[in-house]
């Protein structure tokens, strides 16, 4: 679901850039975040710790790292286009 949202936002931004020569700054910032988080979630799923019944610590750390890298890439994208 999250990966699909990332692809959808990227497609909308690409279409508007191609047809109208404009882009959405918010989409440019959030697309890498949503795409990387969704890709990580598709790859690992939602592993549960057998002892506590909660999501595994390594999965939560991976979710956080995916969000952090996505924010970094989104910030770099904004910097490269001059926002």
N, C-alpha and C. Protein backbone atom coordinates (compact mmCIF):
# COMPACT_ATOMS: atom_id res chain seq x y z
N UNK A 1 0.82 -1.19 0.00
CA UNK A 1 0.00 0.00 0.00
C UNK A 1 0.87 1.26 0.00
N UNK A 2 1.86 1.30 0.88
CA UNK A 2 2.72 2.47 0.97
C UNK A 2 3.59 2.59 -0.28
N UNK A 3 4.09 1.46 -0.78
CA UNK A 3 4.90 1.48 -2.00
C UNK A 3 4.06 1.97 -3.18
N UNK A 4 2.84 1.51 -3.27
CA UNK A 4 1.94 1.98 -4.33
C UNK A 4 1.68 3.47 -4.24
N UNK A 5 1.56 3.99 -3.03
CA UNK A 5 1.37 5.42 -2.84
C UNK A 5 2.59 6.19 -3.33
N UNK A 6 3.77 5.67 -3.03
CA UNK A 6 4.99 6.32 -3.50
C UNK A 6 5.10 6.34 -5.01
N UNK A 7 4.74 5.24 -5.65
CA UNK A 7 4.76 5.17 -7.11
C UNK A 7 3.72 6.12 -7.70
N UNK A 8 2.55 6.18 -7.08
CA UNK A 8 1.49 7.07 -7.56
C UNK A 8 1.91 8.53 -7.47
N UNK A 9 2.49 8.94 -6.36
CA UNK A 9 2.93 10.33 -6.20
C UNK A 9 4.03 10.65 -7.20
N UNK A 10 4.96 9.71 -7.42
CA UNK A 10 6.02 9.93 -8.40
C UNK A 10 5.44 10.05 -9.81
N UNK A 11 4.46 9.24 -10.13
CA UNK A 11 3.84 9.29 -11.46
C UNK A 11 3.09 10.60 -11.67
N UNK A 12 2.38 11.07 -10.65
CA UNK A 12 1.67 12.35 -10.76
C UNK A 12 2.66 13.49 -10.96
N UNK A 13 3.75 13.47 -10.21
CA UNK A 13 4.75 14.53 -10.35
C UNK A 13 5.43 14.47 -11.71
N UNK A 14 5.74 13.28 -12.20
CA UNK A 14 6.37 13.13 -13.51
C UNK A 14 5.42 13.60 -14.62
N UNK A 15 4.15 13.27 -14.50
CA UNK A 15 3.17 13.68 -15.50
C UNK A 15 3.02 15.19 -15.53
N UNK A 16 2.95 15.82 -14.37
CA UNK A 16 2.81 17.28 -14.35
C UNK A 16 4.07 17.96 -14.85
N UNK A 17 5.22 17.38 -14.59
CA UNK A 17 6.46 17.95 -15.10
C UNK A 17 6.55 17.80 -16.61
N UNK A 18 6.12 16.68 -17.13
CA UNK A 18 6.19 16.43 -18.56
C UNK A 18 5.19 17.26 -19.35
N UNK A 19 3.97 17.36 -18.87
CA UNK A 19 2.92 18.04 -19.63
C UNK A 19 2.79 19.53 -19.35
N UNK A 20 3.09 19.95 -18.12
CA UNK A 20 2.89 21.36 -17.78
C UNK A 20 4.17 22.08 -17.39
N UNK A 21 5.29 21.39 -17.40
CA UNK A 21 6.59 21.95 -17.01
C UNK A 21 6.58 22.55 -15.60
N UNK A 22 5.87 21.89 -14.70
CA UNK A 22 5.88 22.29 -13.30
C UNK A 22 5.85 21.03 -12.46
N UNK A 23 6.28 21.15 -11.22
CA UNK A 23 6.29 20.00 -10.31
C UNK A 23 5.76 20.45 -8.95
N UNK A 24 5.35 19.47 -8.18
CA UNK A 24 4.85 19.74 -6.84
C UNK A 24 5.98 19.55 -5.84
N UNK A 25 6.30 20.60 -5.12
CA UNK A 25 7.43 20.56 -4.19
C UNK A 25 7.18 19.51 -3.10
N UNK A 26 5.97 19.44 -2.60
CA UNK A 26 5.67 18.47 -1.55
C UNK A 26 5.87 17.05 -2.06
N UNK A 27 5.45 16.80 -3.28
CA UNK A 27 5.62 15.45 -3.85
C UNK A 27 7.09 15.15 -4.06
N UNK A 28 7.85 16.14 -4.47
CA UNK A 28 9.28 15.95 -4.68
C UNK A 28 9.97 15.61 -3.37
N UNK A 29 9.50 16.17 -2.27
CA UNK A 29 10.10 15.91 -0.96
C UNK A 29 9.66 14.56 -0.39
N UNK A 30 8.37 14.23 -0.50
CA UNK A 30 7.86 13.04 0.17
C UNK A 30 7.93 11.76 -0.66
N UNK A 31 8.12 11.85 -1.96
CA UNK A 31 8.16 10.65 -2.79
C UNK A 31 9.28 9.69 -2.38
N UNK A 32 10.54 10.15 -2.19
CA UNK A 32 11.57 9.19 -1.78
C UNK A 32 11.28 8.55 -0.42
N UNK A 33 10.73 9.34 0.49
CA UNK A 33 10.40 8.82 1.82
C UNK A 33 9.38 7.69 1.73
N UNK A 34 8.29 7.95 1.05
CA UNK A 34 7.21 6.96 0.96
C UNK A 34 7.66 5.74 0.15
N UNK A 35 8.41 5.98 -0.91
CA UNK A 35 8.85 4.88 -1.76
C UNK A 35 9.82 3.96 -1.00
N UNK A 36 10.81 4.53 -0.32
CA UNK A 36 11.78 3.70 0.40
C UNK A 36 11.13 2.96 1.57
N UNK A 37 10.25 3.62 2.29
CA UNK A 37 9.55 2.96 3.40
C UNK A 37 8.69 1.82 2.87
N UNK A 38 7.96 2.08 1.80
CA UNK A 38 7.12 1.04 1.21
C UNK A 38 7.93 -0.12 0.68
N UNK A 39 9.07 0.17 0.05
CA UNK A 39 9.93 -0.90 -0.47
C UNK A 39 10.47 -1.75 0.67
N UNK A 40 10.90 -1.12 1.76
CA UNK A 40 11.38 -1.87 2.92
C UNK A 40 10.27 -2.72 3.52
N UNK A 41 9.06 -2.17 3.59
CA UNK A 41 7.93 -2.92 4.15
C UNK A 41 7.57 -4.11 3.27
N UNK A 42 7.67 -3.96 1.96
CA UNK A 42 7.38 -5.08 1.06
C UNK A 42 8.43 -6.17 1.22
N UNK A 43 9.69 -5.77 1.36
CA UNK A 43 10.77 -6.76 1.45
C UNK A 43 10.70 -7.54 2.75
N UNK A 44 10.54 -6.86 3.89
CA UNK A 44 10.60 -7.56 5.18
C UNK A 44 9.24 -7.88 5.77
N UNK A 45 8.20 -7.24 5.30
CA UNK A 45 6.88 -7.49 5.87
C UNK A 45 6.75 -6.87 7.25
N UNK A 46 6.05 -7.55 8.14
CA UNK A 46 5.87 -7.08 9.50
C UNK A 46 6.27 -8.20 10.46
N UNK A 47 7.58 -8.42 10.64
CA UNK A 47 8.01 -9.50 11.53
C UNK A 47 7.67 -9.21 12.98
N UNK A 48 7.21 -10.23 13.65
CA UNK A 48 6.79 -10.10 15.05
C UNK A 48 7.76 -10.84 15.94
N UNK A 49 8.13 -10.20 17.04
CA UNK A 49 8.99 -10.83 18.04
C UNK A 49 8.18 -11.89 18.77
N UNK A 50 8.69 -13.10 18.79
CA UNK A 50 7.95 -14.22 19.40
C UNK A 50 7.78 -14.05 20.91
N UNK A 51 8.70 -13.38 21.56
CA UNK A 51 8.64 -13.22 23.01
C UNK A 51 7.64 -12.15 23.45
N UNK A 52 7.56 -11.05 22.72
CA UNK A 52 6.72 -9.94 23.15
C UNK A 52 5.44 -9.79 22.34
N UNK A 53 5.42 -10.34 21.14
CA UNK A 53 4.25 -10.19 20.28
C UNK A 53 4.18 -8.85 19.58
N UNK A 54 5.20 -8.02 19.73
CA UNK A 54 5.27 -6.71 19.08
C UNK A 54 6.16 -6.81 17.85
N UNK A 55 6.13 -5.78 16.99
CA UNK A 55 7.04 -5.80 15.84
C UNK A 55 8.50 -5.90 16.30
N UNK A 56 9.30 -6.63 15.54
CA UNK A 56 10.70 -6.85 15.90
C UNK A 56 11.46 -5.53 15.93
N UNK A 57 12.43 -5.45 16.83
CA UNK A 57 13.20 -4.22 16.99
C UNK A 57 13.97 -3.90 15.72
N UNK A 58 14.54 -4.90 15.06
CA UNK A 58 15.30 -4.64 13.85
C UNK A 58 14.40 -4.11 12.73
N UNK A 59 13.14 -4.53 12.71
CA UNK A 59 12.22 -4.03 11.70
C UNK A 59 11.86 -2.57 11.98
N UNK A 60 11.62 -2.25 13.24
CA UNK A 60 11.33 -0.86 13.59
C UNK A 60 12.53 0.04 13.30
N UNK A 61 13.73 -0.46 13.57
CA UNK A 61 14.94 0.31 13.24
C UNK A 61 15.05 0.49 11.73
N UNK A 62 14.73 -0.54 10.98
CA UNK A 62 14.76 -0.43 9.52
C UNK A 62 13.74 0.55 9.00
N UNK A 63 12.55 0.57 9.61
CA UNK A 63 11.53 1.55 9.21
C UNK A 63 12.06 2.97 9.46
N UNK A 64 12.66 3.17 10.61
CA UNK A 64 13.21 4.49 10.94
C UNK A 64 14.33 4.90 10.01
N UNK A 65 15.22 3.96 9.70
CA UNK A 65 16.31 4.27 8.77
C UNK A 65 15.78 4.57 7.38
N UNK A 66 14.77 3.84 6.95
CA UNK A 66 14.17 4.11 5.64
C UNK A 66 13.57 5.51 5.59
N UNK A 67 12.89 5.90 6.65
CA UNK A 67 12.31 7.24 6.72
C UNK A 67 13.43 8.29 6.72
N UNK A 68 14.48 8.04 7.49
CA UNK A 68 15.60 9.00 7.55
C UNK A 68 16.28 9.17 6.21
N UNK A 69 16.56 8.07 5.52
CA UNK A 69 17.19 8.16 4.20
C UNK A 69 16.24 8.82 3.21
N UNK A 70 14.96 8.53 3.30
CA UNK A 70 13.98 9.16 2.42
C UNK A 70 13.91 10.66 2.63
N UNK A 71 13.95 11.10 3.89
CA UNK A 71 13.96 12.54 4.17
C UNK A 71 15.23 13.19 3.63
N UNK A 72 16.36 12.51 3.78
CA UNK A 72 17.62 13.02 3.26
C UNK A 72 17.57 13.15 1.74
N UNK A 73 17.08 12.13 1.06
CA UNK A 73 16.98 12.18 -0.40
C UNK A 73 15.97 13.23 -0.86
N UNK A 74 14.88 13.37 -0.15
CA UNK A 74 13.91 14.41 -0.48
C UNK A 74 14.50 15.80 -0.30
N UNK A 75 15.26 16.00 0.76
CA UNK A 75 15.92 17.28 0.97
C UNK A 75 16.95 17.56 -0.11
N UNK A 76 17.69 16.53 -0.50
CA UNK A 76 18.66 16.71 -1.60
C UNK A 76 17.96 17.05 -2.91
N UNK A 77 16.82 16.42 -3.16
CA UNK A 77 16.07 16.71 -4.38
C UNK A 77 15.62 18.16 -4.40
N UNK A 78 15.15 18.66 -3.26
CA UNK A 78 14.75 20.07 -3.18
C UNK A 78 15.94 20.99 -3.36
N UNK A 79 17.08 20.61 -2.81
CA UNK A 79 18.27 21.42 -2.93
C UNK A 79 18.74 21.48 -4.39
N UNK A 80 18.65 20.35 -5.10
CA UNK A 80 19.09 20.31 -6.47
C UNK A 80 18.20 21.15 -7.40
N UNK A 81 16.91 21.24 -7.10
CA UNK A 81 16.03 22.04 -7.96
C UNK A 81 15.98 23.51 -7.52
N UNK A 82 16.61 23.81 -6.42
CA UNK A 82 16.71 25.21 -6.00
C UNK A 82 15.59 25.73 -5.15
N UNK A 83 14.94 24.87 -4.38
CA UNK A 83 13.85 25.32 -3.49
C UNK A 83 14.40 25.72 -2.14
